[in-house]
Amino acid sequence: MKSSANYSFKPPTATVAIIGFAYFAITVVALYFLNPAYDLISSFEGNYHLAPYEFLVASTFFGLGLGSLALIIGLYQEMSRSVGSSIGLLLLGIWSMGILIAGIFPANDGGSTVPHMTTALIAGIFPVEVEAYPETTFSFIHILAILGSFFSLSLAAILLSWRFKHEEKWRSIRYFSSILALVMIAASIFLCQAIFLYIHTEFWGLSLKLLTFSSLLWLFLTVIYLRFVIVKSVSKR
């Protein structure tokens, strides 16, 4: 009875994560065709002014955030308890919540430098009139959520990659996972320098692209391998 219960519960955990990430990837590709002005990096920066596709842009954050939450549950089930793994999963949880918050609160184009009213779409659906200076409060929430999320994910990837080498069923991906984690950390450092030293926006954009794609690759690799680990463990029972 116990193995049957495990079989019915564990596989959907990885499957839900895969569905969330797949929705993110498919929707991002679809948006490129629906509106040539769409750009993944710009959406992370808060460019929701892509009528009539604001909700689709926001939903990419929801798919990524919910998929990451499912990944946390799966990793919690399939990894041994340790300080490193617990902190890593906590940081992964911060990433997930930050991405969901970024989807709810969009940033806006700067526009006029004097205070003015502008319309912000909460979750890409609900219009709200807010004051901009030229940024709105929602813009700052979105940007801080994105930056905090990526930094948290970078640290989580380092800790979890380090734990993978101590887990027999996770050792197969420890090298590739560690390489991606190091790239994420390096990109995070470059991004911090671009922010605090006011380096040219091209350097900011390059750092964000490197951080974004290495982070997504790490997430996709981990969730696919999680599915493999779960199926393999069930087949042995």
C-alpha atoms as a PDB file:
ATOM      1  CA  MET A   1       0.000   0.000   0.000  1.00  0.00           C
ATOM      2  CA  LYS A   2       2.823   2.404   0.857  1.00  0.00           C
ATOM      3  CA  SER A   3       4.629   2.011  -2.467  1.00  0.00           C
ATOM      4  CA  SER A   4       1.348   2.454  -4.307  1.00  0.00           C
ATOM      5  CA  ALA A   5       0.701   5.699  -2.464  1.00  0.00           C
ATOM      6  CA  ASN A   6       4.210   6.915  -3.235  1.00  0.00           C
ATOM      7  CA  TYR A   7       3.768   6.065  -6.878  1.00  0.00           C
ATOM      8  CA  SER A   8       0.507   7.990  -7.131  1.00  0.00           C
ATOM      9  CA  PHE A   9       1.908  11.052  -5.371  1.00  0.00           C
ATOM     10  CA  LYS A  10       5.528  11.498  -6.394  1.00  0.00           C
ATOM     11  CA  PRO A  11       5.369  11.395 -10.210  1.00  0.00           C
ATOM     12  CA  PRO A  12       2.770  14.219 -10.413  1.00  0.00           C
ATOM     13  CA  THR A  13       5.111  16.466  -8.411  1.00  0.00           C
ATOM     14  CA  ALA A  14       7.702  16.408 -11.174  1.00  0.00           C
ATOM     15  CA  THR A  15       5.006  16.400 -13.842  1.00  0.00           C
ATOM     16  CA  VAL A  16       3.409  19.583 -12.484  1.00  0.00           C
ATOM     17  CA  ALA A  17       6.835  21.266 -12.496  1.00  0.00           C
ATOM     18  CA  ILE A  18       7.475  20.148 -16.075  1.00  0.00           C
ATOM     19  CA  ILE A  19       4.039  21.400 -17.155  1.00  0.00           C
ATOM     20  CA  GLY A  20       4.721  24.795 -15.554  1.00  0.00           C
ATOM     21  CA  PHE A  21       8.120  25.127 -17.235  1.00  0.00           C
ATOM     22  CA  ALA A  22       6.769  23.832 -20.553  1.00  0.00           C
ATOM     23  CA  TYR A  23       3.958  26.392 -20.427  1.00  0.00           C
ATOM     24  CA  PHE A  24       6.533  29.115 -19.811  1.00  0.00           C
ATOM     25  CA  ALA A  25       8.697  28.018 -22.755  1.00  0.00           C
ATOM     26  CA  ILE A  26       5.779  27.528 -25.173  1.00  0.00           C
ATOM     27  CA  THR A  27       4.174  30.852 -24.275  1.00  0.00           C
ATOM     28  CA  VAL A  28       7.470  32.735 -24.632  1.00  0.00           C
ATOM     29  CA  VAL A  29       7.921  31.271 -28.133  1.00  0.00           C
ATOM     30  CA  ALA A  30       4.286  32.016 -29.022  1.00  0.00           C
ATOM     31  CA  LEU A  31       4.660  35.639 -27.910  1.00  0.00           C
ATOM     32  CA  TYR A  32       7.601  36.099 -30.276  1.00  0.00           C
ATOM     33  CA  PHE A  33       5.282  35.191 -33.162  1.00  0.00           C
ATOM     34  CA  LEU A  34       2.210  37.027 -31.842  1.00  0.00           C
ATOM     35  CA  ASN A  35       4.052  40.297 -31.280  1.00  0.00           C
ATOM     36  CA  PRO A  36       7.524  40.909 -32.744  1.00  0.00           C
ATOM     37  CA  ALA A  37       8.035  43.619 -30.098  1.00  0.00           C
ATOM     38  CA  TYR A  38       8.066  40.966 -27.361  1.00  0.00           C
ATOM     39  CA  ASP A  39      11.408  40.141 -25.808  1.00  0.00           C
ATOM     40  CA  LEU A  40      11.982  37.739 -22.904  1.00  0.00           C
ATOM     41  CA  ILE A  41      14.589  39.956 -21.248  1.00  0.00           C
ATOM     42  CA  SER A  42      12.356  43.006 -21.606  1.00  0.00           C
ATOM     43  CA  SER A  43       9.489  41.132 -19.951  1.00  0.00           C
ATOM     44  CA  PHE A  44      11.715  40.365 -16.972  1.00  0.00           C
ATOM     45  CA  GLU A  45      12.500  44.079 -16.858  1.00  0.00           C
ATOM     46  CA  GLY A  46       8.751  44.733 -16.796  1.00  0.00           C
ATOM     47  CA  ASN A  47       7.735  45.497 -20.383  1.00  0.00           C
ATOM     48  CA  TYR A  48       4.029  44.628 -20.236  1.00  0.00           C
ATOM     49  CA  HIS A  49       2.934  47.178 -22.850  1.00  0.00           C
ATOM     50  CA  LEU A  50       2.223  44.537 -25.489  1.00  0.00           C
ATOM     51  CA  ALA A  51      -1.520  44.862 -25.995  1.00  0.00           C
ATOM     52  CA  PRO A  52      -3.492  42.689 -26.222  1.00  0.00           C
ATOM     53  CA  TYR A  53      -1.041  40.141 -24.768  1.00  0.00           C
ATOM     54  CA  GLU A  54      -0.319  41.584 -21.314  1.00  0.00           C
ATOM     55  CA  PHE A  55      -1.881  38.611 -19.543  1.00  0.00           C
ATOM     56  CA  LEU A  56       0.116  36.128 -21.626  1.00  0.00           C
ATOM     57  CA  VAL A  57       3.311  37.916 -20.607  1.00  0.00           C
ATOM     58  CA  ALA A  58       2.258  37.882 -16.941  1.00  0.00           C
ATOM     59  CA  SER A  59       1.261  34.207 -17.192  1.00  0.00           C
ATOM     60  CA  THR A  60       4.815  33.247 -18.171  1.00  0.00           C
ATOM     61  CA  PHE A  61       5.855  34.366 -14.675  1.00  0.00           C
ATOM     62  CA  PHE A  62       3.051  32.336 -13.113  1.00  0.00           C
ATOM     63  CA  GLY A  63       4.003  29.200 -15.034  1.00  0.00           C
ATOM     64  CA  LEU A  64       7.647  29.586 -14.050  1.00  0.00           C
ATOM     65  CA  GLY A  65       6.840  30.372 -10.404  1.00  0.00           C
ATOM     66  CA  LEU A  66       4.340  27.543  -9.907  1.00  0.00           C
ATOM     67  CA  GLY A  67       6.605  25.092 -11.704  1.00  0.00           C
ATOM     68  CA  SER A  68       9.420  26.089  -9.359  1.00  0.00           C
ATOM     69  CA  LEU A  69       7.215  25.516  -6.301  1.00  0.00           C
ATOM     70  CA  ALA A  70       6.431  22.014  -7.561  1.00  0.00           C
ATOM     71  CA  LEU A  71      10.156  21.452  -8.110  1.00  0.00           C
ATOM     72  CA  ILE A  72      10.807  22.360  -4.467  1.00  0.00           C
ATOM     73  CA  ILE A  73       8.343  19.714  -3.282  1.00  0.00           C
ATOM     74  CA  GLY A  74       9.937  17.104  -5.533  1.00  0.00           C
ATOM     75  CA  LEU A  75      13.473  17.923  -4.384  1.00  0.00           C
ATOM     76  CA  TYR A  76      12.355  17.867  -0.749  1.00  0.00           C
ATOM     77  CA  GLN A  77      11.007  14.354  -1.249  1.00  0.00           C
ATOM     78  CA  GLU A  78      13.990  13.019  -3.174  1.00  0.00           C
ATOM     79  CA  MET A  79      16.926  14.505  -1.248  1.00  0.00           C
ATOM     80  CA  SER A  80      18.240  13.685   2.203  1.00  0.00           C
ATOM     81  CA  ARG A  81      17.763  16.245   4.955  1.00  0.00           C
ATOM     82  CA  SER A  82      20.748  18.512   5.568  1.00  0.00           C
ATOM     83  CA  VAL A  83      21.466  22.133   6.391  1.00  0.00           C
ATOM     84  CA  GLY A  84      22.706  22.766   2.847  1.00  0.00           C
ATOM     85  CA  SER A  85      19.672  21.254   1.129  1.00  0.00           C
ATOM     86  CA  SER A  86      17.252  23.006   3.526  1.00  0.00           C
ATOM     87  CA  ILE A  87      18.803  26.422   2.877  1.00  0.00           C
ATOM     88  CA  GLY A  88      18.952  25.688  -0.844  1.00  0.00           C
ATOM     89  CA  LEU A  89      15.245  24.804  -0.945  1.00  0.00           C
ATOM     90  CA  LEU A  90      14.396  27.896   1.100  1.00  0.00           C
ATOM     91  CA  LEU A  91      16.269  30.069  -1.391  1.00  0.00           C
ATOM     92  CA  LEU A  92      14.511  28.262  -4.226  1.00  0.00           C
ATOM     93  CA  GLY A  93      11.239  29.119  -2.500  1.00  0.00           C
ATOM     94  CA  ILE A  94      12.225  32.797  -2.392  1.00  0.00           C
ATOM     95  CA  TRP A  95      12.915  32.613  -6.142  1.00  0.00           C
ATOM     96  CA  SER A  96       9.482  31.092  -6.757  1.00  0.00           C
ATOM     97  CA  MET A  97       7.583  33.670  -4.715  1.00  0.00           C
ATOM     98  CA  GLY A  98       9.602  36.519  -6.219  1.00  0.00           C
ATOM     99  CA  ILE A  99       8.754  35.414  -9.752  1.00  0.00           C
ATOM    100  CA  LEU A 100       5.051  35.168  -8.874  1.00  0.00           C
ATOM    101  CA  ILE A 101       5.165  38.675  -7.368  1.00  0.00           C
ATOM    102  CA  ALA A 102       6.906  39.982 -10.503  1.00  0.00           C
ATOM    103  CA  GLY A 103       4.049  38.564 -12.583  1.00  0.00           C
ATOM    104  CA  ILE A 104       1.471  40.336 -10.462  1.00  0.00           C
ATOM    105  CA  PHE A 105       3.180  43.739 -10.410  1.00  0.00           C
ATOM    106  CA  PRO A 106       4.364  44.966 -13.836  1.00  0.00           C
ATOM    107  CA  ALA A 107       6.911  47.675 -14.421  1.00  0.00           C
ATOM    108  CA  ASN A 108       6.183  50.546 -16.808  1.00  0.00           C
ATOM    109  CA  ASP A 109       8.011  52.660 -19.339  1.00  0.00           C
ATOM    110  CA  GLY A 110       9.563  55.714 -17.735  1.00  0.00           C
ATOM    111  CA  GLY A 111       7.684  58.290 -19.746  1.00  0.00           C
ATOM    112  CA  SER A 112       7.581  61.849 -18.442  1.00  0.00           C
ATOM    113  CA  THR A 113      10.003  62.765 -15.675  1.00  0.00           C
ATOM    114  CA  VAL A 114       7.344  64.836 -13.901  1.00  0.00           C
ATOM    115  CA  PRO A 115       4.707  63.109 -11.753  1.00  0.00           C
ATOM    116  CA  HIS A 116       1.844  61.872 -13.903  1.00  0.00           C
ATOM    117  CA  MET A 117      -0.915  59.282 -13.893  1.00  0.00           C
ATOM    118  CA  THR A 118      -0.532  56.066 -15.846  1.00  0.00           C
ATOM    119  CA  THR A 119      -2.400  52.771 -16.166  1.00  0.00           C
ATOM    120  CA  ALA A 120      -0.807  49.616 -14.777  1.00  0.00           C
ATOM    121  CA  LEU A 121      -2.264  46.167 -15.415  1.00  0.00           C
ATOM    122  CA  ILE A 122      -2.118  44.034 -12.272  1.00  0.00           C
ATOM    123  CA  ALA A 123      -1.365  40.425 -13.302  1.00  0.00           C
ATOM    124  CA  GLY A 124      -1.735  41.623 -16.888  1.00  0.00           C
ATOM    125  CA  ILE A 125      -5.525  41.870 -16.438  1.00  0.00           C
ATOM    126  CA  PHE A 126      -6.748  44.421 -13.919  1.00  0.00           C
ATOM    127  CA  PRO A 127      -6.189  48.091 -14.875  1.00  0.00           C
ATOM    128  CA  VAL A 128      -5.220  50.431 -12.048  1.00  0.00           C
ATOM    129  CA  GLU A 129      -4.491  54.138 -12.295  1.00  0.00           C
ATOM    130  CA  VAL A 130      -1.259  54.906 -10.429  1.00  0.00           C
ATOM    131  CA  GLU A 131       1.064  57.872 -10.158  1.00  0.00           C
ATOM    132  CA  ALA A 132       4.507  57.638 -11.795  1.00  0.00           C
ATOM    133  CA  TYR A 133       7.677  59.644 -10.949  1.00  0.00           C
ATOM    134  CA  PRO A 134       8.418  58.503 -13.778  1.00  0.00           C
ATOM    135  CA  GLU A 135       8.402  54.947 -12.315  1.00  0.00           C
ATOM    136  CA  THR A 136       5.437  53.594 -10.368  1.00  0.00           C
ATOM    137  CA  THR A 137       5.584  51.759  -7.050  1.00  0.00           C
ATOM    138  CA  PHE A 138       4.646  48.624  -8.979  1.00  0.00           C
ATOM    139  CA  SER A 139       7.725  49.079 -11.162  1.00  0.00           C
ATOM    140  CA  PHE A 140      10.021  49.056  -8.149  1.00  0.00           C
ATOM    141  CA  ILE A 141       8.265  45.987  -6.717  1.00  0.00           C
ATOM    142  CA  HIS A 142       8.645  44.170 -10.039  1.00  0.00           C
ATOM    143  CA  ILE A 143      12.320  45.016 -10.497  1.00  0.00           C
ATOM    144  CA  LEU A 144      13.269  44.257  -6.890  1.00  0.00           C
ATOM    145  CA  ALA A 145      11.349  40.958  -7.056  1.00  0.00           C
ATOM    146  CA  ILE A 146      13.176  39.966 -10.248  1.00  0.00           C
ATOM    147  CA  LEU A 147      16.624  40.870  -8.938  1.00  0.00           C
ATOM    148  CA  GLY A 148      16.030  39.246  -5.558  1.00  0.00           C
ATOM    149  CA  SER A 149      14.660  36.128  -7.242  1.00  0.00           C
ATOM    150  CA  PHE A 150      17.650  35.653  -9.526  1.00  0.00           C
ATOM    151  CA  PHE A 151      20.164  36.199  -6.725  1.00  0.00           C
ATOM    152  CA  SER A 152      18.292  33.715  -4.526  1.00  0.00           C
ATOM    153  CA  LEU A 153      18.179  31.161  -7.348  1.00  0.00           C
ATOM    154  CA  SER A 154      21.920  31.553  -7.967  1.00  0.00           C
ATOM    155  CA  LEU A 155      22.701  30.808  -4.320  1.00  0.00           C
ATOM    156  CA  ALA A 156      20.189  27.946  -4.276  1.00  0.00           C
ATOM    157  CA  ALA A 157      21.823  26.415  -7.358  1.00  0.00           C
ATOM    158  CA  ILE A 158      25.262  26.555  -5.700  1.00  0.00           C
ATOM    159  CA  LEU A 159      24.041  24.896  -2.490  1.00  0.00           C
ATOM    160  CA  LEU A 160      21.934  22.231  -4.203  1.00  0.00           C
ATOM    161  CA  SER A 161      24.667  21.441  -6.740  1.00  0.00           C
ATOM    162  CA  TRP A 162      27.063  20.939  -3.844  1.00  0.00           C
ATOM    163  CA  ARG A 163      24.542  18.594  -2.209  1.00  0.00           C
ATOM    164  CA  PHE A 164      24.081  16.611  -5.435  1.00  0.00           C
ATOM    165  CA  LYS A 165      27.597  15.162  -5.148  1.00  0.00           C
ATOM    166  CA  HIS A 166      26.650  13.715  -1.737  1.00  0.00           C
ATOM    167  CA  GLU A 167      23.428  12.167  -3.057  1.00  0.00           C
ATOM    168  CA  GLU A 168      23.957   8.895  -4.901  1.00  0.00           C
ATOM    169  CA  LYS A 169      20.966   9.294  -7.201  1.00  0.00           C
ATOM    170  CA  TRP A 170      21.848  12.910  -8.047  1.00  0.00           C
ATOM    171  CA  ARG A 171      25.576  12.556  -8.728  1.00  0.00           C
ATOM    172  CA  SER A 172      25.090  12.157 -12.479  1.00  0.00           C
ATOM    173  CA  ILE A 173      24.219  15.839 -12.937  1.00  0.00           C
ATOM    174  CA  ARG A 174      26.467  17.375 -10.271  1.00  0.00           C
ATOM    175  CA  TYR A 175      29.125  18.601 -12.736  1.00  0.00           C
ATOM    176  CA  PHE A 176      26.778  20.201 -15.241  1.00  0.00           C
ATOM    177  CA  SER A 177      24.664  21.612 -12.419  1.00  0.00           C
ATOM    178  CA  SER A 178      27.752  23.077 -10.728  1.00  0.00           C
ATOM    179  CA  ILE A 179      28.980  24.684 -13.956  1.00  0.00           C
ATOM    180  CA  LEU A 180      25.611  26.350 -14.534  1.00  0.00           C
ATOM    181  CA  ALA A 181      25.498  27.469 -10.897  1.00  0.00           C
ATOM    182  CA  LEU A 182      28.931  29.105 -11.220  1.00  0.00           C
ATOM    183  CA  VAL A 183      27.829  30.868 -14.415  1.00  0.00           C
ATOM    184  CA  MET A 184      24.751  32.124 -12.567  1.00  0.00           C
ATOM    185  CA  ILE A 185      26.860  33.454  -9.690  1.00  0.00           C
ATOM    186  CA  ALA A 186      29.287  35.166 -12.100  1.00  0.00           C
ATOM    187  CA  ALA A 187      26.401  36.743 -14.031  1.00  0.00           C
ATOM    188  CA  SER A 188      24.850  37.914 -10.744  1.00  0.00           C
ATOM    189  CA  ILE A 189      28.119  39.605  -9.766  1.00  0.00           C
ATOM    190  CA  PHE A 190      28.359  41.296 -13.173  1.00  0.00           C
ATOM    191  CA  LEU A 191      24.754  42.443 -12.840  1.00  0.00           C
ATOM    192  CA  CYS A 192      25.431  43.915  -9.388  1.00  0.00           C
ATOM    193  CA  GLN A 193      28.394  45.825 -10.798  1.00  0.00           C
ATOM    194  CA  ALA A 194      26.251  47.140 -13.650  1.00  0.00           C
ATOM    195  CA  ILE A 195      23.606  48.324 -11.169  1.00  0.00           C
ATOM    196  CA  PHE A 196      25.732  49.903  -8.470  1.00  0.00           C
ATOM    197  CA  LEU A 197      28.497  51.290 -10.697  1.00  0.00           C
ATOM    198  CA  TYR A 198      26.061  52.612 -13.321  1.00  0.00           C
ATOM    199  CA  ILE A 199      27.817  50.714 -16.123  1.00  0.00           C
ATOM    200  CA  HIS A 200      26.481  51.047 -19.676  1.00  0.00           C
ATOM    201  CA  THR A 201      23.082  49.475 -20.286  1.00  0.00           C
ATOM    202  CA  GLU A 202      24.553  47.027 -22.829  1.00  0.00           C
ATOM    203  CA  PHE A 203      26.607  45.454 -20.043  1.00  0.00           C
ATOM    204  CA  TRP A 204      23.454  45.330 -17.891  1.00  0.00           C
ATOM    205  CA  GLY A 205      21.547  43.634 -20.724  1.00  0.00           C
ATOM    206  CA  LEU A 206      24.310  41.105 -21.420  1.00  0.00           C
ATOM    207  CA  SER A 207      24.588  40.208 -17.724  1.00  0.00           C
ATOM    208  CA  LEU A 208      20.813  39.782 -17.405  1.00  0.00           C
ATOM    209  CA  LYS A 209      20.687  37.588 -20.519  1.00  0.00           C
ATOM    210  CA  LEU A 210      23.487  35.356 -19.239  1.00  0.00           C
ATOM    211  CA  LEU A 211      21.822  35.103 -15.832  1.00  0.00           C
ATOM    212  CA  THR A 212      18.385  34.432 -17.319  1.00  0.00           C
ATOM    213  CA  PHE A 213      19.351  31.667 -19.725  1.00  0.00           C
ATOM    214  CA  SER A 214      21.761  29.902 -17.348  1.00  0.00           C
ATOM    215  CA  SER A 215      19.081  30.002 -14.634  1.00  0.00           C
ATOM    216  CA  LEU A 216      16.386  28.617 -16.908  1.00  0.00           C
ATOM    217  CA  LEU A 217      18.717  25.886 -18.140  1.00  0.00           C
ATOM    218  CA  TRP A 218      19.528  24.918 -14.538  1.00  0.00           C
ATOM    219  CA  LEU A 219      15.831  24.733 -13.658  1.00  0.00           C
ATOM    220  CA  PHE A 220      14.934  22.684 -16.735  1.00  0.00           C
ATOM    221  CA  LEU A 221      17.848  20.290 -16.189  1.00  0.00           C
ATOM    222  CA  THR A 222      16.942  19.784 -12.536  1.00  0.00           C
ATOM    223  CA  VAL A 223      13.244  19.152 -13.108  1.00  0.00           C
ATOM    224  CA  ILE A 224      13.879  16.692 -15.958  1.00  0.00           C
ATOM    225  CA  TYR A 225      16.359  14.795 -13.814  1.00  0.00           C
ATOM    226  CA  LEU A 226      13.919  14.886 -10.889  1.00  0.00           C
ATOM    227  CA  ARG A 227      11.377  13.115 -13.073  1.00  0.00           C
ATOM    228  CA  PHE A 228      14.027  10.521 -13.979  1.00  0.00           C
ATOM    229  CA  VAL A 229      14.907   9.988 -10.296  1.00  0.00           C
ATOM    230  CA  ILE A 230      11.265   9.527  -9.283  1.00  0.00           C
ATOM    231  CA  VAL A 231      10.452   7.097 -12.086  1.00  0.00           C
ATOM    232  CA  LYS A 232      13.634   5.119 -11.402  1.00  0.00           C
ATOM    233  CA  SER A 233      12.933   4.880  -7.663  1.00  0.00           C
ATOM    234  CA  VAL A 234       9.347   3.735  -8.297  1.00  0.00           C
ATOM    235  CA  SER A 235      10.442   1.081 -10.811  1.00  0.00           C
ATOM    236  CA  LYS A 236      12.736  -0.486  -8.214  1.00  0.00           C
ATOM    237  CA  ARG A 237       9.882  -1.159  -5.802  1.00  0.00           C
END
